[in-house]
Amino acid sequence: MSIKRVSATDAKNNFGGLLEDVAALGRVDIVRHGRVVAVVLSPRAIGSIAEAGALQPASAWGATHMIPPELARDARMLTRPDEFDDD
């Protein structure tokens, strides 16, 4: 599986191209300020990883990440609003 790296800005501005690259290559790393911030995998790539037994069970999430997913949105906010406007 080839790995391509694209900037976060390029991924945002050319999302269709990103999806084509993922379909063709199996994996694309998204880089911001010189470090990988996201990895996009094709279903085929995920299947090969699962067959190799390399997927971590969901309970192992905290061993490799600092913020649990359910708290990630709150962590990005400088001040949490009491309510969100739907307008």
PDB file of N, CA and C in Angstrom:
ATOM      1  N   MET A   1       0.850  -1.173   0.000  1.00  0.00           N
ATOM      2  CA  MET A   1       0.000   0.000   0.000  1.00  0.00           C
ATOM      3  C   MET A   1       0.894   1.234   0.000  1.00  0.00           C
ATOM      4  N   SER A   2       0.728   2.088  -0.989  1.00  0.00           N
ATOM      5  CA  SER A   2       1.460   3.352  -1.046  1.00  0.00           C
ATOM      6  C   SER A   2       0.812   4.345  -0.091  1.00  0.00           C
ATOM      7  N   ILE A   3       1.628   5.218   0.453  1.00  0.00           N
ATOM      8  CA  ILE A   3       1.109   6.241   1.357  1.00  0.00           C
ATOM      9  C   ILE A   3       1.418   7.604   0.754  1.00  0.00           C
ATOM     10  N   LYS A   4       0.401   8.407   0.607  1.00  0.00           N
ATOM     11  CA  LYS A   4       0.560   9.767   0.108  1.00  0.00           C
ATOM     12  C   LYS A   4       0.309  10.725   1.260  1.00  0.00           C
ATOM     13  N   ARG A   5       1.035  11.823   1.294  1.00  0.00           N
ATOM     14  CA  ARG A   5       0.829  12.861   2.304  1.00  0.00           C
ATOM     15  C   ARG A   5       0.328  14.126   1.627  1.00  0.00           C
ATOM     16  N   VAL A   6      -0.726  14.707   2.191  1.00  0.00           N
ATOM     17  CA  VAL A   6      -1.238  15.979   1.692  1.00  0.00           C
ATOM     18  C   VAL A   6      -1.431  16.919   2.877  1.00  0.00           C
ATOM     19  N   SER A   7      -1.364  18.205   2.597  1.00  0.00           N
ATOM     20  CA  SER A   7      -1.588  19.180   3.669  1.00  0.00           C
ATOM     21  C   SER A   7      -3.080  19.214   4.011  1.00  0.00           C
ATOM     22  N   ALA A   8      -3.381  19.642   5.205  1.00  0.00           N
ATOM     23  CA  ALA A   8      -4.780  19.757   5.632  1.00  0.00           C
ATOM     24  C   ALA A   8      -5.528  20.730   4.724  1.00  0.00           C
ATOM     25  N   THR A   9      -4.877  21.794   4.308  1.00  0.00           N
ATOM     26  CA  THR A   9      -5.511  22.767   3.410  1.00  0.00           C
ATOM     27  C   THR A   9      -5.826  22.141   2.068  1.00  0.00           C
ATOM     28  N   ASP A  10      -4.873  21.391   1.501  1.00  0.00           N
ATOM     29  CA  ASP A  10      -5.123  20.724   0.220  1.00  0.00           C
ATOM     30  C   ASP A  10      -6.239  19.687   0.346  1.00  0.00           C
ATOM     31  N   ALA A  11      -6.274  18.964   1.458  1.00  0.00           N
ATOM     32  CA  ALA A  11      -7.334  17.971   1.668  1.00  0.00           C
ATOM     33  C   ALA A  11      -8.695  18.650   1.707  1.00  0.00           C
ATOM     34  N   LYS A  12      -8.771  19.798   2.381  1.00  0.00           N
ATOM     35  CA  LYS A  12     -10.031  20.538   2.484  1.00  0.00           C
ATOM     36  C   LYS A  12     -10.456  21.106   1.133  1.00  0.00           C
ATOM     37  N   ASN A  13      -9.507  21.714   0.430  1.00  0.00           N
ATOM     38  CA  ASN A  13      -9.826  22.371  -0.832  1.00  0.00           C
ATOM     39  C   ASN A  13     -10.056  21.407  -1.988  1.00  0.00           C
ATOM     40  N   ASN A  14      -9.550  20.182  -1.879  1.00  0.00           N
ATOM     41  CA  ASN A  14      -9.684  19.211  -2.959  1.00  0.00           C
ATOM     42  C   ASN A  14     -10.146  17.868  -2.392  1.00  0.00           C
ATOM     43  N   PHE A  15     -11.280  17.891  -1.695  1.00  0.00           N
ATOM     44  CA  PHE A  15     -11.778  16.685  -1.034  1.00  0.00           C
ATOM     45  C   PHE A  15     -12.061  15.562  -2.032  1.00  0.00           C
ATOM     46  N   GLY A  16     -12.607  15.898  -3.186  1.00  0.00           N
ATOM     47  CA  GLY A  16     -12.872  14.886  -4.205  1.00  0.00           C
ATOM     48  C   GLY A  16     -11.598  14.197  -4.652  1.00  0.00           C
ATOM     49  N   GLY A  17     -10.539  14.972  -4.840  1.00  0.00           N
ATOM     50  CA  GLY A  17      -9.242  14.403  -5.208  1.00  0.00           C
ATOM     51  C   GLY A  17      -8.677  13.534  -4.103  1.00  0.00           C
ATOM     52  N   LEU A  18      -8.885  13.955  -2.857  1.00  0.00           N
ATOM     53  CA  LEU A  18      -8.442  13.160  -1.714  1.00  0.00           C
ATOM     54  C   LEU A  18      -9.116  11.789  -1.736  1.00  0.00           C
ATOM     55  N   LEU A  19     -10.427  11.777  -1.978  1.00  0.00           N
ATOM     56  CA  LEU A  19     -11.148  10.501  -2.026  1.00  0.00           C
ATOM     57  C   LEU A  19     -10.653   9.616  -3.166  1.00  0.00           C
ATOM     58  N   GLU A  20     -10.344  10.222  -4.311  1.00  0.00           N
ATOM     59  CA  GLU A  20      -9.809   9.444  -5.433  1.00  0.00           C
ATOM     60  C   GLU A  20      -8.452   8.838  -5.075  1.00  0.00           C
ATOM     61  N   ASP A  21      -7.610   9.618  -4.408  1.00  0.00           N
ATOM     62  CA  ASP A  21      -6.302   9.111  -3.991  1.00  0.00           C
ATOM     63  C   ASP A  21      -6.446   7.964  -2.999  1.00  0.00           C
ATOM     64  N   VAL A  22      -7.367   8.101  -2.053  1.00  0.00           N
ATOM     65  CA  VAL A  22      -7.590   7.039  -1.072  1.00  0.00           C
ATOM     66  C   VAL A  22      -8.066   5.770  -1.768  1.00  0.00           C
ATOM     67  N   ALA A  23      -8.989   5.912  -2.714  1.00  0.00           N
ATOM     68  CA  ALA A  23      -9.493   4.749  -3.444  1.00  0.00           C
ATOM     69  C   ALA A  23      -8.378   4.070  -4.225  1.00  0.00           C
ATOM     70  N   ALA A  24      -7.490   4.854  -4.824  1.00  0.00           N
ATOM     71  CA  ALA A  24      -6.422   4.289  -5.636  1.00  0.00           C
ATOM     72  C   ALA A  24      -5.270   3.741  -4.806  1.00  0.00           C
ATOM     73  N   LEU A  25      -4.899   4.451  -3.736  1.00  0.00           N
ATOM     74  CA  LEU A  25      -3.702   4.097  -2.977  1.00  0.00           C
ATOM     75  C   LEU A  25      -4.000   3.297  -1.712  1.00  0.00           C
ATOM     76  N   GLY A  26      -5.183   3.463  -1.163  1.00  0.00           N
ATOM     77  CA  GLY A  26      -5.529   2.764   0.072  1.00  0.00           C
ATOM     78  C   GLY A  26      -5.351   3.604   1.319  1.00  0.00           C
ATOM     79  N   ARG A  27      -4.429   4.585   1.272  1.00  0.00           N
ATOM     80  CA  ARG A  27      -4.170   5.396   2.461  1.00  0.00           C
ATOM     81  C   ARG A  27      -3.636   6.759   2.052  1.00  0.00           C
ATOM     82  N   VAL A  28      -4.107   7.800   2.737  1.00  0.00           N
ATOM     83  CA  VAL A  28      -3.567   9.142   2.575  1.00  0.00           C
ATOM     84  C   VAL A  28      -3.419   9.742   3.974  1.00  0.00           C
ATOM     85  N   ASP A  29      -2.217  10.237   4.260  1.00  0.00           N
ATOM     86  CA  ASP A  29      -1.966  10.928   5.525  1.00  0.00           C
ATOM     87  C   ASP A  29      -2.213  12.418   5.320  1.00  0.00           C
ATOM     88  N   ILE A  30      -2.893  13.047   6.267  1.00  0.00           N
ATOM     89  CA  ILE A  30      -3.137  14.492   6.216  1.00  0.00           C
ATOM     90  C   ILE A  30      -2.210  15.152   7.230  1.00  0.00           C
ATOM     91  N   VAL A  31      -1.450  16.127   6.749  1.00  0.00           N
ATOM     92  CA  VAL A  31      -0.383  16.734   7.543  1.00  0.00           C
ATOM     93  C   VAL A  31      -0.704  18.201   7.815  1.00  0.00           C
ATOM     94  N   ARG A  32      -0.478  18.614   9.049  1.00  0.00           N
ATOM     95  CA  ARG A  32      -0.614  20.025   9.431  1.00  0.00           C
ATOM     96  C   ARG A  32       0.623  20.401  10.235  1.00  0.00           C
ATOM     97  N   HIS A  33       1.272  21.471   9.833  1.00  0.00           N
ATOM     98  CA  HIS A  33       2.478  21.961  10.510  1.00  0.00           C
ATOM     99  C   HIS A  33       3.533  20.855  10.655  1.00  0.00           C
ATOM    100  N   GLY A  34       3.670  20.035   9.611  1.00  0.00           N
ATOM    101  CA  GLY A  34       4.727  19.032   9.589  1.00  0.00           C
ATOM    102  C   GLY A  34       4.450  17.737  10.321  1.00  0.00           C
ATOM    103  N   ARG A  35       3.242  17.583  10.889  1.00  0.00           N
ATOM    104  CA  ARG A  35       2.946  16.311  11.575  1.00  0.00           C
ATOM    105  C   ARG A  35       1.629  15.745  11.074  1.00  0.00           C
ATOM    106  N   VAL A  36       1.547  14.433  11.079  1.00  0.00           N
ATOM    107  CA  VAL A  36       0.332  13.759  10.624  1.00  0.00           C
ATOM    108  C   VAL A  36      -0.761  13.976  11.656  1.00  0.00           C
ATOM    109  N   VAL A  37      -1.904  14.540  11.205  1.00  0.00           N
ATOM    110  CA  VAL A  37      -3.022  14.799  12.104  1.00  0.00           C
ATOM    111  C   VAL A  37      -4.212  13.885  11.818  1.00  0.00           C
ATOM    112  N   ALA A  38      -4.200  13.235  10.641  1.00  0.00           N
ATOM    113  CA  ALA A  38      -5.285  12.321  10.288  1.00  0.00           C
ATOM    114  C   ALA A  38      -4.785  11.340   9.239  1.00  0.00           C
ATOM    115  N   VAL A  39      -5.415  10.178   9.222  1.00  0.00           N
ATOM    116  CA  VAL A  39      -5.129   9.165   8.220  1.00  0.00           C
ATOM    117  C   VAL A  39      -6.468   8.730   7.643  1.00  0.00           C
ATOM    118  N   VAL A  40      -6.583   8.768   6.315  1.00  0.00           N
ATOM    119  CA  VAL A  40      -7.803   8.339   5.649  1.00  0.00           C
ATOM    120  C   VAL A  40      -7.498   7.010   4.978  1.00  0.00           C
ATOM    121  N   LEU A  41      -8.295   5.989   5.315  1.00  0.00           N
ATOM    122  CA  LEU A  41      -8.093   4.641   4.784  1.00  0.00           C
ATOM    123  C   LEU A  41      -9.276   4.217   3.937  1.00  0.00           C
ATOM    124  N   SER A  42      -9.004   3.447   2.901  1.00  0.00           N
ATOM    125  CA  SER A  42     -10.071   2.874   2.088  1.00  0.00           C
ATOM    126  C   SER A  42     -10.631   1.650   2.819  1.00  0.00           C
ATOM    127  N   PRO A  43     -11.846   1.240   2.481  1.00  0.00           N
ATOM    128  CA  PRO A  43     -12.397   0.023   3.092  1.00  0.00           C
ATOM    129  C   PRO A  43     -11.503  -1.192   2.849  1.00  0.00           C
ATOM    130  N   ARG A  44     -10.876  -1.254   1.675  1.00  0.00           N
ATOM    131  CA  ARG A  44      -9.972  -2.370   1.363  1.00  0.00           C
ATOM    132  C   ARG A  44      -8.782  -2.376   2.331  1.00  0.00           C
ATOM    133  N   ALA A  45      -8.214  -1.195   2.613  1.00  0.00           N
ATOM    134  CA  ALA A  45      -7.079  -1.096   3.529  1.00  0.00           C
ATOM    135  C   ALA A  45      -7.488  -1.484   4.944  1.00  0.00           C
ATOM    136  N   ILE A  46      -8.659  -1.058   5.360  1.00  0.00           N
ATOM    137  CA  ILE A  46      -9.136  -1.420   6.701  1.00  0.00           C
ATOM    138  C   ILE A  46      -9.318  -2.928   6.795  1.00  0.00           C
ATOM    139  N   GLY A  47      -9.852  -3.534   5.727  1.00  0.00           N
ATOM    140  CA  GLY A  47     -10.021  -4.989   5.702  1.00  0.00           C
ATOM    141  C   GLY A  47      -8.697  -5.713   5.846  1.00  0.00           C
ATOM    142  N   SER A  48      -7.646  -5.232   5.143  1.00  0.00           N
ATOM    143  CA  SER A  48      -6.347  -5.911   5.262  1.00  0.00           C
ATOM    144  C   SER A  48      -5.745  -5.745   6.646  1.00  0.00           C
ATOM    145  N   ILE A  49      -5.955  -4.577   7.257  1.00  0.00           N
ATOM    146  CA  ILE A  49      -5.445  -4.358   8.612  1.00  0.00           C
ATOM    147  C   ILE A  49      -6.175  -5.285   9.587  1.00  0.00           C
ATOM    148  N   ALA A  50      -7.490  -5.411   9.420  1.00  0.00           N
ATOM    149  CA  ALA A  50      -8.270  -6.281  10.306  1.00  0.00           C
ATOM    150  C   ALA A  50      -7.846  -7.735  10.141  1.00  0.00           C
ATOM    151  N   GLU A  51      -7.615  -8.165   8.899  1.00  0.00           N
ATOM    152  CA  GLU A  51      -7.184  -9.545   8.661  1.00  0.00           C
ATOM    153  C   GLU A  51      -5.826  -9.818   9.289  1.00  0.00           C
ATOM    154  N   ALA A  52      -4.969  -8.824   9.309  1.00  0.00           N
ATOM    155  CA  ALA A  52      -3.644  -8.991   9.904  1.00  0.00           C
ATOM    156  C   ALA A  52      -3.704  -8.961  11.432  1.00  0.00           C
ATOM    157  N   GLY A  53      -4.882  -8.650  11.984  1.00  0.00           N
ATOM    158  CA  GLY A  53      -5.042  -8.613  13.440  1.00  0.00           C
ATOM    159  C   GLY A  53      -4.434  -7.382  14.081  1.00  0.00           C
ATOM    160  N   ALA A  54      -4.243  -6.324  13.286  1.00  0.00           N
ATOM    161  CA  ALA A  54      -3.581  -5.128  13.804  1.00  0.00           C
ATOM    162  C   ALA A  54      -4.535  -4.078  14.349  1.00  0.00           C
ATOM    163  N   LEU A  55      -5.845  -4.288  14.263  1.00  0.00           N
ATOM    164  CA  LEU A  55      -6.788  -3.305  14.804  1.00  0.00           C
ATOM    165  C   LEU A  55      -6.869  -3.450  16.315  1.00  0.00           C
ATOM    166  N   GLN A  56      -6.852  -2.324  16.997  1.00  0.00           N
ATOM    167  CA  GLN A  56      -6.966  -2.342  18.451  1.00  0.00           C
ATOM    168  C   GLN A  56      -8.432  -2.422  18.845  1.00  0.00           C
ATOM    169  N   PRO A  57      -8.742  -3.146  19.903  1.00  0.00           N
ATOM    170  CA  PRO A  57     -10.115  -3.105  20.396  1.00  0.00           C
ATOM    171  C   PRO A  57     -10.444  -1.707  20.899  1.00  0.00           C
ATOM    172  N   ALA A  58     -11.706  -1.368  20.868  1.00  0.00           N
ATOM    173  CA  ALA A  58     -12.138  -0.025  21.277  1.00  0.00           C
ATOM    174  C   ALA A  58     -11.691   0.306  22.699  1.00  0.00           C
ATOM    175  N   SER A  59     -11.603  -0.677  23.570  1.00  0.00           N
ATOM    176  CA  SER A  59     -11.219  -0.418  24.954  1.00  0.00           C
ATOM    177  C   SER A  59      -9.773   0.041  25.087  1.00  0.00           C
ATOM    178  N   ALA A  60      -8.936  -0.172  24.050  1.00  0.00           N
ATOM    179  CA  ALA A  60      -7.535   0.235  24.110  1.00  0.00           C
ATOM    180  C   ALA A  60      -7.342   1.672  23.654  1.00  0.00           C
ATOM    181  N   TRP A  61      -8.416   2.383  23.337  1.00  0.00           N
ATOM    182  CA  TRP A  61      -8.313   3.727  22.782  1.00  0.00           C
ATOM    183  C   TRP A  61      -7.489   4.647  23.660  1.00  0.00           C
ATOM    184  N   GLY A  62      -7.742   4.657  24.932  1.00  0.00           N
ATOM    185  CA  GLY A  62      -7.064   5.578  25.835  1.00  0.00           C
ATOM    186  C   GLY A  62      -5.574   5.356  25.954  1.00  0.00           C
ATOM    187  N   ALA A  63      -5.095   4.188  25.568  1.00  0.00           N
ATOM    188  CA  ALA A  63      -3.671   3.915  25.663  1.00  0.00           C
ATOM    189  C   ALA A  63      -2.870   4.671  24.612  1.00  0.00           C
ATOM    190  N   THR A  64      -3.514   5.095  23.525  1.00  0.00           N
ATOM    191  CA  THR A  64      -2.777   5.738  22.441  1.00  0.00           C
ATOM    192  C   THR A  64      -3.205   7.175  22.182  1.00  0.00           C
ATOM    193  N   HIS A  65      -4.261   7.654  22.808  1.00  0.00           N
ATOM    194  CA  HIS A  65      -4.753   9.007  22.571  1.00  0.00           C
ATOM    195  C   HIS A  65      -4.934   9.724  23.899  1.00  0.00           C
ATOM    196  N   MET A  66      -4.790  11.030  23.855  1.00  0.00           N
ATOM    197  CA  MET A  66      -4.863  11.803  25.085  1.00  0.00           C
ATOM    198  C   MET A  66      -6.284  12.163  25.492  1.00  0.00           C
ATOM    199  N   ILE A  67      -7.169  12.420  24.538  1.00  0.00           N
ATOM    200  CA  ILE A  67      -8.511  12.899  24.862  1.00  0.00           C
ATOM    201  C   ILE A  67      -9.538  11.909  24.330  1.00  0.00           C
ATOM    202  N   PRO A  68     -10.420  11.389  25.183  1.00  0.00           N
ATOM    203  CA  PRO A  68     -11.465  10.489  24.693  1.00  0.00           C
ATOM    204  C   PRO A  68     -12.339  11.191  23.665  1.00  0.00           C
ATOM    205  N   PRO A  69     -12.827  10.457  22.651  1.00  0.00           N
ATOM    206  CA  PRO A  69     -13.598  11.077  21.573  1.00  0.00           C
ATOM    207  C   PRO A  69     -14.787  11.892  22.064  1.00  0.00           C
ATOM    208  N   GLU A  70     -15.464  11.423  23.114  1.00  0.00           N
ATOM    209  CA  GLU A  70     -16.649  12.137  23.577  1.00  0.00           C
ATOM    210  C   GLU A  70     -16.310  13.486  24.212  1.00  0.00           C
ATOM    211  N   LEU A  71     -15.030  13.699  24.557  1.00  0.00           N
ATOM    212  CA  LEU A  71     -14.617  14.967  25.145  1.00  0.00           C
ATOM    213  C   LEU A  71     -13.832  15.846  24.175  1.00  0.00           C
ATOM    214  N   ALA A  72     -13.540  15.340  22.982  1.00  0.00           N
ATOM    215  CA  ALA A  72     -12.689  16.063  22.043  1.00  0.00           C
ATOM    216  C   ALA A  72     -13.279  17.413  21.654  1.00  0.00           C
ATOM    217  N   ARG A  73     -14.588  17.484  21.417  1.00  0.00           N
ATOM    218  CA  ARG A  73     -15.208  18.760  21.024  1.00  0.00           C
ATOM    219  C   ARG A  73     -15.061  19.788  22.135  1.00  0.00           C
ATOM    220  N   ASP A  74     -15.308  19.366  23.367  1.00  0.00           N
ATOM    221  CA  ASP A  74     -15.158  20.286  24.492  1.00  0.00           C
ATOM    222  C   ASP A  74     -13.716  20.780  24.621  1.00  0.00           C
ATOM    223  N   ALA A  75     -12.768  19.905  24.321  1.00  0.00           N
ATOM    224  CA  ALA A  75     -11.362  20.275  24.459  1.00  0.00           C
ATOM    225  C   ALA A  75     -10.959  21.333  23.449  1.00  0.00           C
ATOM    226  N   ARG A  76     -11.620  21.397  22.301  1.00  0.00           N
ATOM    227  CA  ARG A  76     -11.299  22.386  21.280  1.00  0.00           C
ATOM    228  C   ARG A  76     -11.875  23.757  21.601  1.00  0.00           C
ATOM    229  N   MET A  77     -12.826  23.838  22.494  1.00  0.00           N
ATOM    230  CA  MET A  77     -13.487  25.104  22.794  1.00  0.00           C
ATOM    231  C   MET A  77     -12.745  25.821  23.914  1.00  0.00           C
ATOM    232  N   LEU A  78     -12.500  27.112  23.713  1.00  0.00           N
ATOM    233  CA  LEU A  78     -11.858  27.887  24.763  1.00  0.00           C
ATOM    234  C   LEU A  78     -12.805  28.114  25.925  1.00  0.00           C
ATOM    235  N   THR A  79     -14.042  28.447  25.617  1.00  0.00           N
ATOM    236  CA  THR A  79     -15.076  28.555  26.641  1.00  0.00           C
ATOM    237  C   THR A  79     -16.301  27.815  26.122  1.00  0.00           C
ATOM    238  N   ARG A  80     -16.850  26.976  26.932  1.00  0.00           N
ATOM    239  CA  ARG A  80     -18.005  26.184  26.537  1.00  0.00           C
ATOM    240  C   ARG A  80     -19.271  27.017  26.736  1.00  0.00           C
ATOM    241  N   PRO A  81     -20.060  27.237  25.668  1.00  0.00           N
ATOM    242  CA  PRO A  81     -21.298  27.999  25.835  1.00  0.00           C
ATOM    243  C   PRO A  81     -22.327  27.176  26.606  1.00  0.00           C
ATOM    244  N   ASP A  82     -23.215  27.882  27.303  1.00  0.00           N
ATOM    245  CA  ASP A  82     -24.285  27.185  28.025  1.00  0.00           C
ATOM    246  C   ASP A  82     -25.236  26.506  27.051  1.00  0.00           C
ATOM    247  N   GLU A  83     -25.511  27.186  25.940  1.00  0.00           N
ATOM    248  CA  GLU A  83     -26.402  26.633  24.916  1.00  0.00           C
ATOM    249  C   GLU A  83     -25.835  26.983  23.549  1.00  0.00           C
ATOM    250  N   PHE A  84     -26.182  26.186  22.565  1.00  0.00           N
ATOM    251  CA  PHE A  84     -25.771  26.450  21.191  1.00  0.00           C
ATOM    252  C   PHE A  84     -26.928  27.073  20.430  1.00  0.00           C
ATOM    253  N   ASP A  85     -26.635  28.081  19.613  1.00  0.00           N
ATOM    254  CA  ASP A  85     -27.653  28.697  18.773  1.00  0.00           C
ATOM    255  C   ASP A  85     -27.872  27.828  17.544  1.00  0.00           C
ATOM    256  N   ASP A  86     -29.109  27.605  17.179  1.00  0.00           N
ATOM    257  CA  ASP A  86     -29.418  26.842  15.981  1.00  0.00           C
ATOM    258  C   ASP A  86     -29.632  27.739  14.784  1.00  0.00           C
ATOM    259  N   ASP A  87     -29.541  29.073  14.969  1.00  0.00           N
ATOM    260  CA  ASP A  87     -29.767  30.008  13.871  1.00  0.00           C
ATOM    261  C   ASP A  87     -28.605  30.065  12.931  1.00  0.00           C
TER     262      ASP A  87
END
